[in-house]
Protein backbone atom coordinates (compact mmCIF):
# COMPACT_ATOMS: atom_id res chain seq x y z
CA ILE A 1 -158.15 47.55 -101.79
CA ASN A 2 -160.37 49.87 -103.33
CA ASP A 3 -159.55 53.75 -104.49
CA LEU A 4 -159.88 55.33 -100.91
CA GLY A 5 -157.12 52.99 -99.74
CA SER A 6 -159.44 51.19 -97.33
CA TYR A 7 -159.38 47.30 -96.85
CA LYS A 8 -162.74 45.23 -96.95
CA CYS A 9 -163.34 41.71 -95.92
CA SER A 10 -166.26 39.80 -95.71
CA LEU A 11 -167.08 38.13 -92.40
CA ASN A 12 -166.65 34.73 -93.71
CA GLN A 13 -162.93 35.84 -93.64
CA LEU A 14 -163.12 36.34 -89.95
CA THR A 15 -162.41 32.68 -88.09
CA GLN A 16 -164.86 31.98 -85.50
CA ASN A 17 -162.36 31.52 -82.59
CA ASP A 18 -163.30 32.74 -79.17
CA ASP A 19 -160.33 31.33 -76.70
CA ASP A 20 -161.65 33.06 -73.62
CA GLY A 21 -165.23 31.70 -74.26
CA ASP A 22 -166.71 35.17 -73.57
CA GLY A 23 -168.85 35.23 -76.73
CA VAL A 24 -166.69 37.68 -78.57
CA ILE A 25 -164.53 36.32 -81.05
CA ASN A 26 -160.93 36.57 -81.01
CA GLN A 27 -160.23 39.18 -83.81
CA LEU A 28 -162.86 41.34 -82.37
CA ASP A 29 -161.78 41.00 -79.00
CA ASP A 30 -159.10 43.42 -77.61
CA TYR A 31 -158.29 40.77 -74.63
CA PRO A 32 -158.78 37.33 -76.63
CA SER A 33 -157.49 35.35 -73.36
CA ASP A 34 -159.33 37.37 -70.70
CA PRO A 35 -163.00 36.37 -70.36
CA GLU A 36 -163.82 39.25 -67.91
CA ILE A 37 -163.08 41.88 -70.39
CA SER A 38 -163.21 42.20 -74.23
CA ASN A 39 -163.27 46.04 -75.42
CA THR A 40 -161.40 49.24 -74.82
CA THR A 41 -162.97 52.66 -75.66
CA TYR A 42 -160.50 55.70 -75.57
CA THR A 43 -161.63 59.31 -75.12
CA PRO A 44 -160.68 61.35 -76.88
CA SER A 45 -158.89 58.47 -78.90
CA GLU A 46 -156.67 55.85 -78.79
CA LEU A 47 -153.64 57.93 -79.68
CA GLY A 48 -154.55 61.45 -78.97
CA TRP A 49 -155.07 63.47 -75.72
CA GLY A 50 -157.64 65.89 -74.73
CA THR A 51 -156.56 69.17 -72.98
CA LEU A 52 -158.13 70.90 -69.98
CA ALA A 53 -156.70 74.58 -69.18
CA TYR A 54 -157.66 76.41 -65.96
CA GLU A 55 -157.64 79.68 -64.57
CA ASP A 56 -157.29 79.76 -60.97
CA LEU A 57 -158.92 82.98 -60.20
CA TRP A 58 -161.87 81.88 -62.05
CA PRO A 59 -164.71 83.47 -61.90
CA SER A 60 -163.16 86.43 -60.16
CA LYS A 61 -161.36 88.77 -62.52
CA GLY A 62 -158.04 87.78 -63.22
CA ASP A 63 -155.89 87.71 -66.25
CA TYR A 64 -158.00 85.03 -67.95
CA ASP A 65 -155.10 83.47 -69.49
CA PHE A 66 -156.12 79.85 -68.69
CA ASN A 67 -152.48 78.78 -68.53
CA ASP A 68 -152.59 78.21 -64.66
CA LEU A 69 -152.68 74.63 -64.84
CA VAL A 70 -152.99 73.11 -68.33
CA VAL A 71 -153.28 68.77 -68.47
CA ASN A 72 -153.56 66.28 -70.84
CA TYR A 73 -155.79 63.51 -70.39
CA ARG A 74 -156.77 60.13 -72.19
CA PHE A 75 -159.64 57.57 -70.60
CA LEU A 76 -159.83 54.06 -71.51
CA LEU A 77 -163.04 52.42 -70.49
CA VAL A 78 -162.35 48.57 -70.45
CA GLU A 79 -165.70 46.53 -71.02
CA ASN A 80 -166.95 42.85 -70.92
CA ALA A 81 -168.49 41.19 -73.82
CA GLN A 82 -172.10 42.59 -72.31
CA ASN A 83 -170.72 46.09 -72.69
CA GLU A 84 -170.66 46.70 -69.10
CA ILE A 85 -167.96 49.07 -67.76
CA VAL A 86 -165.68 46.83 -65.75
CA ARG A 87 -162.69 49.23 -65.22
CA ILE A 88 -161.50 52.53 -66.11
CA LYS A 89 -158.23 53.78 -66.81
CA ALA A 90 -157.41 57.55 -67.05
CA LYS A 91 -153.93 59.19 -67.94
CA PHE A 92 -152.89 62.58 -67.22
CA GLN A 93 -150.01 64.65 -67.82
CA VAL A 94 -149.27 68.16 -66.62
CA LYS A 95 -148.42 70.15 -69.85
CA ALA A 96 -147.96 73.50 -68.32
CA ILE A 97 -148.29 75.53 -65.01
CA GLY A 98 -148.53 79.69 -65.26
CA ALA A 99 -149.15 80.09 -61.47
CA SER A 100 -147.49 80.51 -58.26
CA TYR A 101 -150.05 78.64 -56.52
CA HIS A 102 -149.68 74.61 -55.91
CA ASN A 103 -152.87 73.81 -57.59
CA GLY A 104 -154.18 70.33 -57.41
CA PHE A 105 -156.69 68.16 -59.69
CA GLY A 106 -159.44 66.09 -59.48
CA PHE A 107 -162.40 65.28 -61.38
CA LYS A 108 -166.29 64.02 -60.57
CA MET A 109 -167.81 61.45 -62.06
CA ASP A 110 -171.63 60.91 -61.73
CA LEU A 111 -171.40 57.54 -60.62
CA ASN A 112 -172.28 56.02 -57.24
CA PRO A 113 -169.63 55.18 -55.25
CA SER A 114 -171.04 51.93 -54.20
CA LEU A 115 -170.24 50.77 -58.02
CA ILE A 116 -166.62 51.64 -57.85
CA LYS A 117 -164.34 48.96 -56.15
CA SER A 118 -161.02 51.16 -55.80
CA VAL A 119 -159.23 53.68 -57.06
CA SER A 120 -155.57 53.88 -57.27
CA GLY A 121 -152.56 55.59 -59.18
CA TYR A 122 -153.00 59.31 -57.52
CA ASN A 123 -150.28 61.23 -56.35
CA LEU A 124 -151.08 63.05 -53.09
CA THR A 125 -147.94 64.70 -51.24
CA GLU A 126 -149.29 67.31 -49.35
CA ASN A 127 -151.65 66.03 -46.58
CA ILE A 128 -154.75 68.32 -47.72
CA VAL A 129 -156.65 65.60 -49.32
CA SER A 130 -159.06 63.01 -47.21
CA LEU A 131 -159.86 59.98 -49.10
CA ASN A 132 -162.29 57.01 -48.14
CA ASN A 133 -161.23 53.44 -47.98
CA LYS A 134 -161.90 53.08 -51.68
CA GLY A 135 -159.58 56.22 -52.68
CA LEU A 136 -162.48 58.57 -53.28
CA GLU A 137 -162.58 61.94 -51.89
CA ASN A 138 -164.49 62.19 -48.49
CA GLY A 139 -167.05 64.75 -48.04
CA HIS A 140 -169.13 64.32 -51.25
CA SER A 141 -172.80 63.23 -51.05
CA ASN A 142 -173.14 62.53 -54.50
CA GLY A 143 -171.05 61.23 -57.40
CA SER A 144 -167.57 59.95 -56.96
CA THR A 145 -164.83 62.45 -56.56
CA ILE A 146 -161.30 61.48 -57.81
CA ILE A 147 -158.53 63.33 -56.98
CA VAL A 148 -155.65 62.99 -59.34
CA PHE A 149 -152.79 65.10 -57.45
CA ASP A 150 -152.63 67.82 -54.74
CA ASP A 151 -149.80 69.78 -56.02
CA ALA A 152 -149.01 69.90 -59.88
CA TYR A 153 -145.37 70.92 -59.10
CA ASP A 154 -144.85 67.49 -57.79
CA ASN A 155 -145.80 66.08 -61.03
CA ILE A 156 -143.18 67.61 -62.94
CA GLY A 157 -140.39 67.44 -60.59
CA SER A 158 -140.22 70.95 -59.34
CA LYS A 159 -141.22 72.90 -56.35
CA THR A 160 -140.10 76.04 -57.40
CA GLY A 161 -143.24 77.86 -58.16
CA GLY A 162 -143.57 80.19 -61.05
CA PHE A 163 -144.22 79.59 -64.88
CA VAL A 164 -143.53 76.03 -66.62
CA ASN A 165 -144.04 75.70 -70.39
CA THR A 166 -145.86 79.38 -70.36
CA ASP A 167 -142.89 81.31 -70.97
CA PRO A 168 -140.27 80.80 -73.58
CA SER A 169 -137.51 82.27 -71.12
CA MET A 170 -138.47 79.82 -68.38
CA PRO A 171 -138.19 76.19 -68.17
């Protein structure tokens, strides 16, 4: 241990075992018993969350408080030994709703839909979103649009409308 508190090891201290035969040694393989995957990359980080904040009247003039929908996110890119993305996992948490609108949330990836096998885990309750057989939103000519939910209130256990986590006097 050096004076900065970091641990240094030499490559000869690593074993060369590769139990799943994917070409990545066990100690460097996030999935040492699965030959199809070997690494996970986190965005923004393994422990942290990013935050997206929306003003539902944008770009029209509104109150510009950007608290109408606040969502935390974390993406996990699962890769194989050739650094090809095999799976994308996305986690979302509704943190605040400062609008009476029942806003939905989705995102677009600049990824050809033919490269996507399937999408699962969305929460659609309002029958306003049309999905194709892969789980992508219909009606888009380029890229892949994934709808996470169609009503933010359904993701916090409330249909009351109003403010959630935006006013200390309210729930």
